[in-house]
């Protein structure tokens, strides 16, 4: 009888140990591969995103320094100022043309006078006279103005000529619209003067 109880107790003890091992085994196992990976993956993505941002900021800084040092060239604002502006009455020898006196100063980079027009004439042309207002002269397409330079126009050299002018009166003002390549359109009001006088 005693031996039978001892065998049962031994069986119960072994079963308890076995059951304890069975329940504790999962808790003792190593964490499966990939556990905690989302957190590490997020940190890696942040580091990967910061790299191009830092490189872009450094590149912008280098470009700004390069431009400040003049590496990209110099952009000059072109400003035109017209001083003297006069249109003469047509002379008896050339009744269909009114010469002009203009002093154009370029306060910036080089520019070019491309065209001119006026409501007081059918059309306006650029003419190069050979030292005298007599004769038709040579028509030119445009006039260059050097940077920080002055272009003086008169019937004795380069001239802006109003073709077929309307009725002009001494002392009246005639609008002239000058178009420059860089400065754009500049409107001036020229005073009508007697023939040959600025």
N, C-alpha and C. Protein backbone atom coordinates (compact mmCIF):
# COMPACT_ATOMS: atom_id res chain seq x y z
N UNK A 1 0.84 -1.20 0.00
CA UNK A 1 0.00 0.00 0.00
C UNK A 1 0.87 1.24 0.00
N UNK A 2 1.85 1.21 0.84
CA UNK A 2 2.78 2.34 0.91
C UNK A 2 3.52 2.51 -0.41
N UNK A 3 3.92 1.43 -1.01
CA UNK A 3 4.64 1.50 -2.30
C UNK A 3 3.77 2.07 -3.39
N UNK A 4 2.46 1.73 -3.35
CA UNK A 4 1.54 2.24 -4.39
C UNK A 4 1.37 3.75 -4.25
N UNK A 5 1.25 4.26 -3.00
CA UNK A 5 1.14 5.70 -2.81
C UNK A 5 2.42 6.43 -3.23
N UNK A 6 3.52 5.82 -2.95
CA UNK A 6 4.78 6.46 -3.34
C UNK A 6 4.89 6.57 -4.85
N UNK A 7 4.42 5.53 -5.54
CA UNK A 7 4.47 5.57 -7.01
C UNK A 7 3.55 6.63 -7.55
N UNK A 8 2.32 6.78 -6.91
CA UNK A 8 1.39 7.82 -7.37
C UNK A 8 1.97 9.22 -7.14
N UNK A 9 2.57 9.40 -5.95
CA UNK A 9 3.17 10.70 -5.67
C UNK A 9 4.28 11.03 -6.64
N UNK A 10 5.07 10.00 -6.94
CA UNK A 10 6.15 10.22 -7.90
C UNK A 10 5.61 10.60 -9.26
N UNK A 11 4.48 9.94 -9.65
CA UNK A 11 3.88 10.24 -10.95
C UNK A 11 3.33 11.66 -10.98
N UNK A 12 2.69 12.04 -9.82
CA UNK A 12 2.14 13.40 -9.75
C UNK A 12 3.25 14.44 -9.82
N UNK A 13 4.35 14.19 -9.13
CA UNK A 13 5.48 15.13 -9.16
C UNK A 13 6.05 15.29 -10.53
N UNK A 14 6.21 14.14 -11.20
CA UNK A 14 6.75 14.24 -12.56
C UNK A 14 5.79 14.99 -13.47
N UNK A 15 4.48 14.73 -13.28
CA UNK A 15 3.50 15.44 -14.12
C UNK A 15 3.51 16.92 -13.85
N UNK A 16 3.70 17.31 -12.57
CA UNK A 16 3.74 18.74 -12.26
C UNK A 16 4.92 19.42 -12.89
N UNK A 17 6.08 18.77 -12.84
CA UNK A 17 7.27 19.36 -13.47
C UNK A 17 7.08 19.49 -14.96
N UNK A 18 6.51 18.38 -15.51
CA UNK A 18 6.29 18.40 -16.97
C UNK A 18 5.33 19.51 -17.37
N UNK A 19 4.24 19.65 -16.57
CA UNK A 19 3.28 20.72 -16.88
C UNK A 19 3.90 22.09 -16.72
N UNK A 20 4.74 22.26 -15.69
CA UNK A 20 5.39 23.55 -15.49
C UNK A 20 6.31 23.89 -16.64
N UNK A 21 7.05 22.89 -17.10
CA UNK A 21 7.93 23.15 -18.24
C UNK A 21 7.13 23.49 -19.49
N UNK A 22 6.00 22.83 -19.65
CA UNK A 22 5.19 23.07 -20.84
C UNK A 22 4.63 24.48 -20.86
N UNK A 23 4.28 24.99 -19.65
CA UNK A 23 3.72 26.34 -19.62
C UNK A 23 4.79 27.42 -19.64
N UNK A 24 5.98 27.14 -19.15
CA UNK A 24 7.03 28.15 -19.10
C UNK A 24 7.87 28.21 -20.37
N UNK A 25 7.80 27.20 -21.17
CA UNK A 25 8.65 27.15 -22.36
C UNK A 25 8.40 28.31 -23.31
N UNK A 26 7.14 28.68 -23.61
CA UNK A 26 6.93 29.80 -24.54
C UNK A 26 7.48 31.10 -24.01
N UNK A 27 7.36 31.33 -22.67
CA UNK A 27 7.87 32.58 -22.11
C UNK A 27 9.38 32.65 -22.17
N UNK A 28 10.02 31.55 -22.18
CA UNK A 28 11.48 31.52 -22.20
C UNK A 28 12.08 31.54 -23.58
N UNK A 29 11.26 31.44 -24.58
CA UNK A 29 11.80 31.42 -25.95
C UNK A 29 12.34 32.81 -26.33
N UNK A 30 13.32 32.88 -27.29
CA UNK A 30 13.88 34.14 -27.80
C UNK A 30 12.83 34.86 -28.64
N UNK A 31 12.92 36.22 -28.70
CA UNK A 31 11.97 37.02 -29.47
C UNK A 31 12.14 36.71 -30.95
N UNK A 32 11.05 36.56 -31.66
CA UNK A 32 11.16 36.22 -33.09
C UNK A 32 11.91 37.29 -33.87
N UNK A 33 12.57 36.89 -34.96
CA UNK A 33 13.29 37.87 -35.78
C UNK A 33 12.32 38.94 -36.29
N UNK A 34 12.78 40.19 -36.29
CA UNK A 34 11.95 41.29 -36.77
C UNK A 34 11.23 42.04 -35.69
N UNK A 35 11.28 41.51 -34.42
CA UNK A 35 10.62 42.22 -33.34
C UNK A 35 11.30 43.57 -33.11
N UNK A 36 10.54 44.67 -33.04
CA UNK A 36 11.09 46.01 -32.87
C UNK A 36 11.61 46.62 -34.16
N UNK A 37 11.42 45.91 -35.30
CA UNK A 37 11.95 46.43 -36.56
C UNK A 37 11.24 47.70 -37.02
N UNK A 38 9.90 47.88 -36.84
CA UNK A 38 9.26 49.13 -37.28
C UNK A 38 9.90 50.37 -36.68
N UNK A 39 10.31 50.29 -35.39
CA UNK A 39 10.92 51.47 -34.78
C UNK A 39 12.27 51.75 -35.41
N UNK A 40 13.06 50.70 -35.62
CA UNK A 40 14.37 50.89 -36.25
C UNK A 40 14.21 51.37 -37.70
N UNK A 41 13.19 50.83 -38.39
CA UNK A 41 12.96 51.22 -39.77
C UNK A 41 12.60 52.71 -39.88
N UNK A 42 11.79 53.20 -38.92
CA UNK A 42 11.45 54.61 -38.92
C UNK A 42 12.66 55.50 -38.72
N UNK A 43 13.57 55.10 -37.81
CA UNK A 43 14.79 55.88 -37.59
C UNK A 43 15.66 55.90 -38.83
N UNK A 44 15.74 54.73 -39.51
CA UNK A 44 16.55 54.68 -40.73
C UNK A 44 15.96 55.58 -41.82
N UNK A 45 14.63 55.62 -41.92
CA UNK A 45 14.00 56.48 -42.93
C UNK A 45 14.26 57.95 -42.63
N UNK A 46 14.23 58.31 -41.36
CA UNK A 46 14.50 59.70 -41.00
C UNK A 46 15.92 60.08 -41.37
N UNK A 47 16.87 59.18 -41.06
CA UNK A 47 18.27 59.46 -41.41
C UNK A 47 18.44 59.56 -42.92
N UNK A 48 17.75 58.68 -43.68
CA UNK A 48 17.86 58.71 -45.14
C UNK A 48 17.25 59.99 -45.71
N UNK A 49 16.18 60.51 -45.08
CA UNK A 49 15.57 61.73 -45.56
C UNK A 49 16.36 62.98 -45.22
N UNK A 50 17.08 62.95 -44.11
CA UNK A 50 17.86 64.11 -43.72
C UNK A 50 19.06 64.33 -44.63
N UNK A 51 19.61 63.28 -45.17
CA UNK A 51 20.83 63.40 -45.98
C UNK A 51 20.62 64.32 -47.18
N UNK A 52 19.59 64.09 -48.05
CA UNK A 52 19.43 65.01 -49.19
C UNK A 52 19.08 66.44 -48.78
N UNK A 53 18.36 66.59 -47.65
CA UNK A 53 18.02 67.94 -47.19
C UNK A 53 19.30 68.70 -46.82
N UNK A 54 20.19 68.05 -46.11
CA UNK A 54 21.45 68.69 -45.72
C UNK A 54 22.29 69.01 -46.95
N UNK A 55 22.33 68.07 -47.90
CA UNK A 55 23.11 68.31 -49.12
C UNK A 55 22.52 69.47 -49.93
N UNK A 56 21.16 69.53 -50.02
CA UNK A 56 20.53 70.62 -50.74
C UNK A 56 20.81 71.98 -50.12
N UNK A 57 20.77 72.04 -48.78
CA UNK A 57 21.06 73.29 -48.10
C UNK A 57 22.50 73.73 -48.34
N UNK A 58 23.41 72.77 -48.32
CA UNK A 58 24.81 73.09 -48.56
C UNK A 58 25.02 73.59 -49.99
N UNK A 59 24.31 72.96 -50.95
CA UNK A 59 24.44 73.37 -52.35
C UNK A 59 23.91 74.78 -52.56
N UNK A 60 22.76 75.09 -51.93
CA UNK A 60 22.20 76.44 -52.04
C UNK A 60 23.16 77.47 -51.46
N UNK A 61 23.78 77.13 -50.33
CA UNK A 61 24.75 78.05 -49.74
C UNK A 61 25.93 78.30 -50.65
N UNK A 62 26.42 77.25 -51.30
CA UNK A 62 27.54 77.41 -52.22
C UNK A 62 27.16 78.25 -53.43
N UNK A 63 25.93 78.03 -53.96
CA UNK A 63 25.48 78.83 -55.10
C UNK A 63 25.33 80.30 -54.74
N UNK A 64 24.81 80.57 -53.55
CA UNK A 64 24.67 81.96 -53.12
C UNK A 64 26.03 82.64 -53.00
N UNK A 65 27.00 81.91 -52.46
CA UNK A 65 28.34 82.47 -52.34
C UNK A 65 28.96 82.71 -53.71
N UNK A 66 28.69 81.79 -54.64
CA UNK A 66 29.24 81.92 -56.01
C UNK A 66 28.66 83.15 -56.71
N UNK A 67 27.33 83.35 -56.57
CA UNK A 67 26.69 84.51 -57.19
C UNK A 67 27.18 85.80 -56.55
N UNK A 68 27.31 85.79 -55.20
CA UNK A 68 27.78 86.99 -54.51
C UNK A 68 29.20 87.37 -54.93
N UNK A 69 29.98 86.36 -55.27
CA UNK A 69 31.36 86.62 -55.70
C UNK A 69 31.45 87.04 -57.16
N UNK A 70 30.30 87.05 -57.86
CA UNK A 70 30.31 87.47 -59.27
C UNK A 70 30.50 86.34 -60.24
N UNK A 71 30.41 85.09 -59.76
CA UNK A 71 30.61 83.95 -60.65
C UNK A 71 29.52 83.81 -61.68
N UNK A 72 28.31 84.29 -61.38
CA UNK A 72 27.19 84.17 -62.32
C UNK A 72 27.10 85.37 -63.24
N UNK A 73 28.05 86.28 -63.18
CA UNK A 73 27.99 87.47 -64.01
C UNK A 73 27.29 88.60 -63.29
N UNK A 74 27.24 89.74 -63.92
CA UNK A 74 26.65 90.93 -63.33
C UNK A 74 25.43 91.35 -64.14
N UNK A 75 24.31 91.49 -63.47
CA UNK A 75 23.09 91.93 -64.12
C UNK A 75 22.94 93.44 -63.87
N UNK A 76 22.98 94.21 -64.95
CA UNK A 76 22.91 95.67 -64.83
C UNK A 76 21.52 96.14 -65.19
N UNK A 77 20.96 96.96 -64.36
CA UNK A 77 19.67 97.58 -64.67
C UNK A 77 19.92 98.74 -65.62
N UNK A 78 19.21 98.74 -66.75
CA UNK A 78 19.40 99.77 -67.76
C UNK A 78 18.38 100.88 -67.51
N UNK A 79 18.89 102.08 -67.32
CA UNK A 79 18.04 103.24 -67.12
C UNK A 79 18.41 104.30 -68.14
N UNK A 80 17.40 104.78 -68.85
CA UNK A 80 17.62 105.77 -69.90
C UNK A 80 17.10 107.12 -69.43
N UNK A 81 17.89 108.15 -69.68
CA UNK A 81 17.48 109.51 -69.38
C UNK A 81 17.66 110.36 -70.64
N UNK A 82 16.61 111.06 -71.03
CA UNK A 82 16.66 111.91 -72.21
C UNK A 82 16.71 113.36 -71.74
N UNK A 83 17.80 114.03 -72.10
CA UNK A 83 17.97 115.42 -71.70
C UNK A 83 17.31 116.35 -72.70
N UNK A 84 18.09 116.82 -73.64
CA UNK A 84 17.56 117.71 -74.66
C UNK A 84 16.62 116.94 -75.59
N UNK A 85 15.49 117.53 -75.91
CA UNK A 85 14.54 116.91 -76.83
C UNK A 85 13.84 118.01 -77.62
N UNK A 86 14.14 118.06 -78.90
CA UNK A 86 13.55 119.10 -79.75
C UNK A 86 13.30 118.53 -81.14
N UNK A 87 12.24 118.98 -81.77
CA UNK A 87 11.91 118.63 -83.15
C UNK A 87 11.81 119.94 -83.93
N UNK A 88 12.53 120.01 -85.04
CA UNK A 88 12.55 121.26 -85.81
C UNK A 88 11.44 121.27 -86.86
N UNK A 89 11.00 122.46 -87.18
CA UNK A 89 10.06 122.59 -88.30
C UNK A 89 10.74 122.15 -89.59
N UNK A 90 10.03 121.52 -90.49
CA UNK A 90 10.64 121.15 -91.78
C UNK A 90 11.16 122.39 -92.51
N UNK A 91 12.29 122.22 -93.16
CA UNK A 91 12.87 123.32 -93.93
C UNK A 91 12.22 123.36 -95.31
N UNK A 92 12.47 124.47 -95.99
CA UNK A 92 11.90 124.60 -97.34
C UNK A 92 12.52 123.60 -98.31
N UNK A 93 13.76 123.19 -98.03
CA UNK A 93 14.42 122.23 -98.92
C UNK A 93 13.96 120.79 -98.66
N UNK A 94 13.42 120.52 -97.48
CA UNK A 94 12.93 119.18 -97.16
C UNK A 94 11.62 119.32 -96.38
N UNK A 95 10.55 119.70 -97.07
CA UNK A 95 9.29 119.97 -96.37
C UNK A 95 8.60 118.73 -95.80
N UNK A 96 9.04 117.56 -96.20
CA UNK A 96 8.39 116.33 -95.73
C UNK A 96 9.16 115.64 -94.61
N UNK A 97 10.13 116.34 -94.01
CA UNK A 97 10.94 115.73 -92.95
C UNK A 97 11.22 116.74 -91.85
N UNK A 98 11.07 116.30 -90.62
CA UNK A 98 11.39 117.14 -89.46
C UNK A 98 12.52 116.48 -88.69
N UNK A 99 13.64 117.17 -88.60
CA UNK A 99 14.78 116.63 -87.86
C UNK A 99 14.57 116.80 -86.36
N UNK A 100 15.47 116.22 -85.60
CA UNK A 100 15.33 116.30 -84.14
C UNK A 100 16.69 116.45 -83.48
N UNK A 101 16.63 116.94 -82.26
CA UNK A 101 17.81 117.02 -81.39
C UNK A 101 17.47 116.25 -80.10
N UNK A 102 18.23 115.22 -79.86
CA UNK A 102 18.00 114.39 -78.67
C UNK A 102 19.33 114.07 -78.00
N UNK A 103 19.35 114.13 -76.70
CA UNK A 103 20.51 113.70 -75.92
C UNK A 103 20.06 112.57 -75.01
N UNK A 104 20.52 111.36 -75.32
CA UNK A 104 20.09 110.15 -74.59
C UNK A 104 21.26 109.65 -73.76
N UNK A 105 21.07 109.55 -72.46
CA UNK A 105 22.12 109.08 -71.55
C UNK A 105 21.72 107.73 -70.98
N UNK A 106 22.65 106.80 -71.06
CA UNK A 106 22.44 105.46 -70.53
C UNK A 106 23.10 105.38 -69.15
N UNK A 107 22.30 105.17 -68.11
CA UNK A 107 22.83 105.14 -66.75
C UNK A 107 23.15 103.73 -66.27
N UNK A 108 23.02 102.74 -67.15
CA UNK A 108 23.30 101.36 -66.76
C UNK A 108 24.16 100.65 -67.77
N UNK A 109 23.77 99.41 -68.10
CA UNK A 109 24.52 98.63 -69.07
C UNK A 109 24.25 99.09 -70.49
N UNK A 110 24.96 98.55 -71.47
CA UNK A 110 24.78 98.98 -72.86
C UNK A 110 23.37 98.67 -73.35
N UNK A 111 22.88 99.51 -74.25
CA UNK A 111 21.53 99.32 -74.78
C UNK A 111 21.52 99.74 -76.24
N UNK A 112 20.39 99.53 -76.89
CA UNK A 112 20.25 99.86 -78.30
C UNK A 112 18.89 100.49 -78.54
N UNK A 113 18.89 101.61 -79.25
CA UNK A 113 17.64 102.25 -79.66
C UNK A 113 17.15 101.53 -80.91
N UNK A 114 15.99 100.87 -80.78
CA UNK A 114 15.49 100.02 -81.86
C UNK A 114 14.53 100.73 -82.79
N UNK A 115 13.68 101.58 -82.26
CA UNK A 115 12.68 102.23 -83.10
C UNK A 115 12.15 103.48 -82.40
N UNK A 116 11.42 104.27 -83.16
CA UNK A 116 10.78 105.46 -82.63
C UNK A 116 9.50 105.70 -83.40
N UNK A 117 8.53 106.28 -82.73
CA UNK A 117 7.27 106.63 -83.40
C UNK A 117 6.69 107.88 -82.75
N UNK A 118 5.81 108.54 -83.48
CA UNK A 118 5.18 109.75 -82.98
C UNK A 118 3.84 109.93 -83.67
N UNK A 119 2.82 110.34 -82.93
CA UNK A 119 1.53 110.60 -83.57
C UNK A 119 1.57 111.83 -84.47
N UNK A 120 2.67 112.58 -84.42
CA UNK A 120 2.78 113.79 -85.24
C UNK A 120 3.36 113.51 -86.62
N UNK A 121 3.67 112.23 -86.92
CA UNK A 121 4.27 111.88 -88.21
C UNK A 121 3.73 110.54 -88.68
N UNK A 122 3.80 110.32 -89.99
CA UNK A 122 3.34 109.04 -90.53
C UNK A 122 4.27 107.91 -90.10
N UNK A 123 5.56 108.17 -90.07
CA UNK A 123 6.53 107.21 -89.53
C UNK A 123 7.82 107.94 -89.18
N UNK A 124 8.66 107.27 -88.42
CA UNK A 124 9.92 107.86 -87.94
C UNK A 124 11.06 106.94 -88.35
N UNK A 125 12.14 107.54 -88.86
CA UNK A 125 13.30 106.75 -89.30
C UNK A 125 14.56 107.29 -88.63
N UNK A 126 15.57 106.40 -88.58
CA UNK A 126 16.89 106.79 -88.10
C UNK A 126 17.76 107.07 -89.32
N UNK A 127 18.45 108.21 -89.28
CA UNK A 127 19.25 108.62 -90.43
C UNK A 127 20.65 109.01 -89.96
N UNK A 128 21.64 108.65 -90.76
CA UNK A 128 23.01 109.09 -90.51
C UNK A 128 23.38 110.12 -91.57
N UNK A 129 23.58 111.37 -91.11
CA UNK A 129 23.99 112.43 -92.02
C UNK A 129 25.52 112.50 -92.06
N UNK A 130 26.04 112.90 -93.19
CA UNK A 130 27.48 113.01 -93.36
C UNK A 130 27.95 114.41 -92.99
N UNK A 131 27.72 114.81 -91.74
CA UNK A 131 28.20 116.10 -91.27
C UNK A 131 27.35 117.28 -91.66
N UNK A 132 26.26 117.05 -92.40
CA UNK A 132 25.41 118.15 -92.84
C UNK A 132 23.97 117.66 -92.91
N UNK A 133 23.04 118.58 -92.59
CA UNK A 133 21.64 118.20 -92.65
C UNK A 133 21.12 118.18 -94.09
N UNK A 134 21.90 118.74 -95.02
CA UNK A 134 21.48 118.75 -96.42
C UNK A 134 21.53 117.33 -96.99
N UNK A 135 20.54 116.97 -97.78
CA UNK A 135 20.52 115.64 -98.37
C UNK A 135 19.76 114.66 -97.51
N UNK A 136 19.41 113.52 -98.10
CA UNK A 136 18.58 112.54 -97.39
C UNK A 136 19.34 111.76 -96.33
N UNK A 137 20.64 111.61 -96.45
CA UNK A 137 21.41 110.80 -95.52
C UNK A 137 21.19 109.31 -95.73
N UNK A 138 21.74 108.52 -94.85
CA UNK A 138 21.64 107.07 -94.96
C UNK A 138 20.76 106.54 -93.82
N UNK A 139 19.75 105.78 -94.16
CA UNK A 139 18.85 105.22 -93.14
C UNK A 139 19.55 104.07 -92.42
N UNK A 140 19.50 104.08 -91.10
CA UNK A 140 20.07 103.00 -90.28
C UNK A 140 18.95 102.34 -89.49
N UNK A 141 19.16 101.10 -89.13
CA UNK A 141 18.09 100.32 -88.48
C UNK A 141 18.03 100.56 -86.97
N UNK A 142 19.17 100.80 -86.35
CA UNK A 142 19.21 100.95 -84.90
C UNK A 142 20.44 101.75 -84.50
N UNK A 143 20.45 102.17 -83.23
CA UNK A 143 21.56 102.98 -82.72
C UNK A 143 22.01 102.41 -81.39
N UNK A 144 23.30 102.14 -81.28
CA UNK A 144 23.86 101.57 -80.05
C UNK A 144 24.20 102.68 -79.06
N UNK A 145 24.00 102.39 -77.79
CA UNK A 145 24.33 103.32 -76.72
C UNK A 145 25.26 102.59 -75.75
N UNK A 146 26.47 103.10 -75.54
CA UNK A 146 27.40 102.40 -74.63
C UNK A 146 26.95 102.51 -73.18
N UNK A 147 27.43 101.59 -72.37
CA UNK A 147 27.11 101.62 -70.94
C UNK A 147 27.62 102.92 -70.32
N UNK A 148 26.77 103.57 -69.56
CA UNK A 148 27.10 104.83 -68.91
C UNK A 148 27.60 105.87 -69.92
N UNK A 149 27.04 105.79 -71.13
CA UNK A 149 27.45 106.72 -72.19
C UNK A 149 26.28 107.58 -72.64
N UNK A 150 26.57 108.46 -73.60
CA UNK A 150 25.57 109.40 -74.11
C UNK A 150 25.52 109.32 -75.62
N UNK A 151 24.32 109.29 -76.15
CA UNK A 151 24.10 109.32 -77.59
C UNK A 151 23.47 110.66 -77.94
N UNK A 152 24.17 111.45 -78.73
CA UNK A 152 23.68 112.77 -79.13
C UNK A 152 23.16 112.69 -80.55
N UNK A 153 21.92 113.04 -80.76
CA UNK A 153 21.29 112.99 -82.07
C UNK A 153 21.00 114.40 -82.56
N UNK A 154 21.32 114.65 -83.84
CA UNK A 154 21.10 115.97 -84.43
C UNK A 154 21.09 115.82 -85.94
N UNK A 155 20.69 116.85 -86.65
CA UNK A 155 20.72 116.78 -88.12
C UNK A 155 22.12 116.74 -88.71
N UNK A 156 23.16 116.79 -87.86
CA UNK A 156 24.54 116.81 -88.36
C UNK A 156 25.26 115.48 -88.12
N UNK A 157 24.54 114.46 -87.75
CA UNK A 157 25.12 113.14 -87.53
C UNK A 157 24.00 112.11 -87.50
N UNK A 158 23.95 111.32 -86.45
CA UNK A 158 22.81 110.41 -86.27
C UNK A 158 21.59 111.24 -85.90
N UNK A 159 20.47 110.91 -86.52
CA UNK A 159 19.29 111.76 -86.38
C UNK A 159 18.03 110.88 -86.33
N UNK A 160 17.03 111.37 -85.60
CA UNK A 160 15.69 110.78 -85.61
C UNK A 160 14.82 111.73 -86.44
N UNK A 161 14.34 111.24 -87.58
CA UNK A 161 13.64 112.08 -88.54
C UNK A 161 12.16 111.69 -88.59
N UNK A 162 11.30 112.68 -88.41
CA UNK A 162 9.86 112.46 -88.53
C UNK A 162 9.46 112.67 -90.00
N UNK A 163 8.98 111.61 -90.62
CA UNK A 163 8.59 111.67 -92.02
C UNK A 163 7.12 112.10 -92.14
N UNK A 164 6.87 113.00 -93.12
CA UNK A 164 5.52 113.50 -93.36
C UNK A 164 4.86 114.00 -92.08
N UNK A 165 5.51 114.95 -91.40
CA UNK A 165 4.91 115.45 -90.15
C UNK A 165 3.64 116.24 -90.43
N UNK A 166 2.78 116.26 -89.43
CA UNK A 166 1.56 117.05 -89.55
C UNK A 166 1.86 118.52 -89.31
N UNK A 167 0.85 119.24 -88.95
CA UNK A 167 1.02 120.66 -88.71
C UNK A 167 1.75 120.88 -87.39
N UNK A 168 2.93 121.47 -87.47
CA UNK A 168 3.74 121.72 -86.28
C UNK A 168 3.80 123.22 -86.00
N UNK A 169 3.79 123.56 -84.73
CA UNK A 169 3.84 124.95 -84.32
C UNK A 169 5.02 125.15 -83.37
N UNK A 170 5.79 126.21 -83.62
CA UNK A 170 6.95 126.48 -82.75
C UNK A 170 6.47 126.67 -81.31
N UNK A 171 7.14 125.98 -80.40
CA UNK A 171 6.80 126.05 -78.99
C UNK A 171 5.89 124.93 -78.52
N UNK A 172 5.26 124.22 -79.46
CA UNK A 172 4.39 123.10 -79.08
C UNK A 172 5.24 121.88 -78.69
N UNK A 173 4.60 120.91 -78.07
CA UNK A 173 5.29 119.69 -77.67
C UNK A 173 4.84 118.53 -78.55
N UNK A 174 5.81 117.72 -78.96
CA UNK A 174 5.53 116.56 -79.80
C UNK A 174 5.96 115.30 -79.04
N UNK A 175 5.06 114.35 -78.81
CA UNK A 175 5.47 113.12 -78.12
C UNK A 175 6.26 112.20 -79.03
N UNK A 176 7.33 111.67 -78.48
CA UNK A 176 8.15 110.67 -79.18
C UNK A 176 8.23 109.43 -78.29
N UNK A 177 7.92 108.29 -78.86
CA UNK A 177 8.02 107.03 -78.13
C UNK A 177 9.26 106.30 -78.64
N UNK A 178 10.26 106.20 -77.79
CA UNK A 178 11.52 105.54 -78.14
C UNK A 178 11.51 104.13 -77.54
N UNK A 179 11.86 103.15 -78.34
CA UNK A 179 11.89 101.76 -77.87
C UNK A 179 13.33 101.26 -77.84
N UNK A 180 13.76 100.83 -76.66
CA UNK A 180 15.12 100.33 -76.46
C UNK A 180 15.07 98.81 -76.23
N UNK A 181 16.16 98.15 -76.55
CA UNK A 181 16.21 96.70 -76.41
C UNK A 181 16.03 96.27 -74.96
N UNK A 182 16.68 96.95 -74.04
CA UNK A 182 16.63 96.55 -72.63
C UNK A 182 15.75 97.48 -71.79
N UNK A 183 15.84 98.75 -72.02
CA UNK A 183 15.07 99.70 -71.21
C UNK A 183 13.60 99.73 -71.59
N UNK A 184 13.25 99.19 -72.77
CA UNK A 184 11.85 99.19 -73.19
C UNK A 184 11.44 100.53 -73.79
N UNK A 185 10.18 100.85 -73.61
CA UNK A 185 9.65 102.09 -74.19
C UNK A 185 9.84 103.27 -73.26
N UNK A 186 10.30 104.36 -73.85
CA UNK A 186 10.48 105.61 -73.12
C UNK A 186 9.81 106.72 -73.92
N UNK A 187 8.88 107.41 -73.30
CA UNK A 187 8.16 108.50 -73.98
C UNK A 187 8.74 109.84 -73.56
N UNK A 188 9.09 110.67 -74.53
CA UNK A 188 9.61 112.01 -74.26
C UNK A 188 8.75 113.01 -75.04
N UNK A 189 8.78 114.23 -74.58
CA UNK A 189 8.03 115.30 -75.25
C UNK A 189 9.03 116.32 -75.76
N UNK A 190 9.11 116.39 -77.09
CA UNK A 190 10.08 117.28 -77.74
C UNK A 190 9.41 118.61 -78.08
N UNK A 191 10.15 119.67 -77.86
CA UNK A 191 9.64 121.01 -78.17
C UNK A 191 9.91 121.32 -79.63
N UNK A 192 8.93 121.87 -80.29
CA UNK A 192 9.08 122.25 -81.71
C UNK A 192 9.85 123.56 -81.80
N UNK A 193 10.91 123.56 -82.58
CA UNK A 193 11.76 124.73 -82.74
C UNK A 193 11.85 125.11 -84.22
N UNK A 194 12.34 126.32 -84.50
CA UNK A 194 12.52 126.71 -85.91
C UNK A 194 13.53 125.80 -86.61
N UNK A 195 13.52 125.76 -87.92
CA UNK A 195 14.44 124.89 -88.65
C UNK A 195 15.90 125.16 -88.30
N UNK A 196 16.65 124.07 -88.04
CA UNK A 196 18.07 124.17 -87.77
C UNK A 196 18.44 124.60 -86.38
N UNK A 197 17.48 124.76 -85.49
CA UNK A 197 17.81 125.20 -84.12
C UNK A 197 17.37 124.14 -83.12
N UNK A 198 18.21 123.87 -82.13
CA UNK A 198 17.83 122.86 -81.13
C UNK A 198 16.81 123.40 -80.14
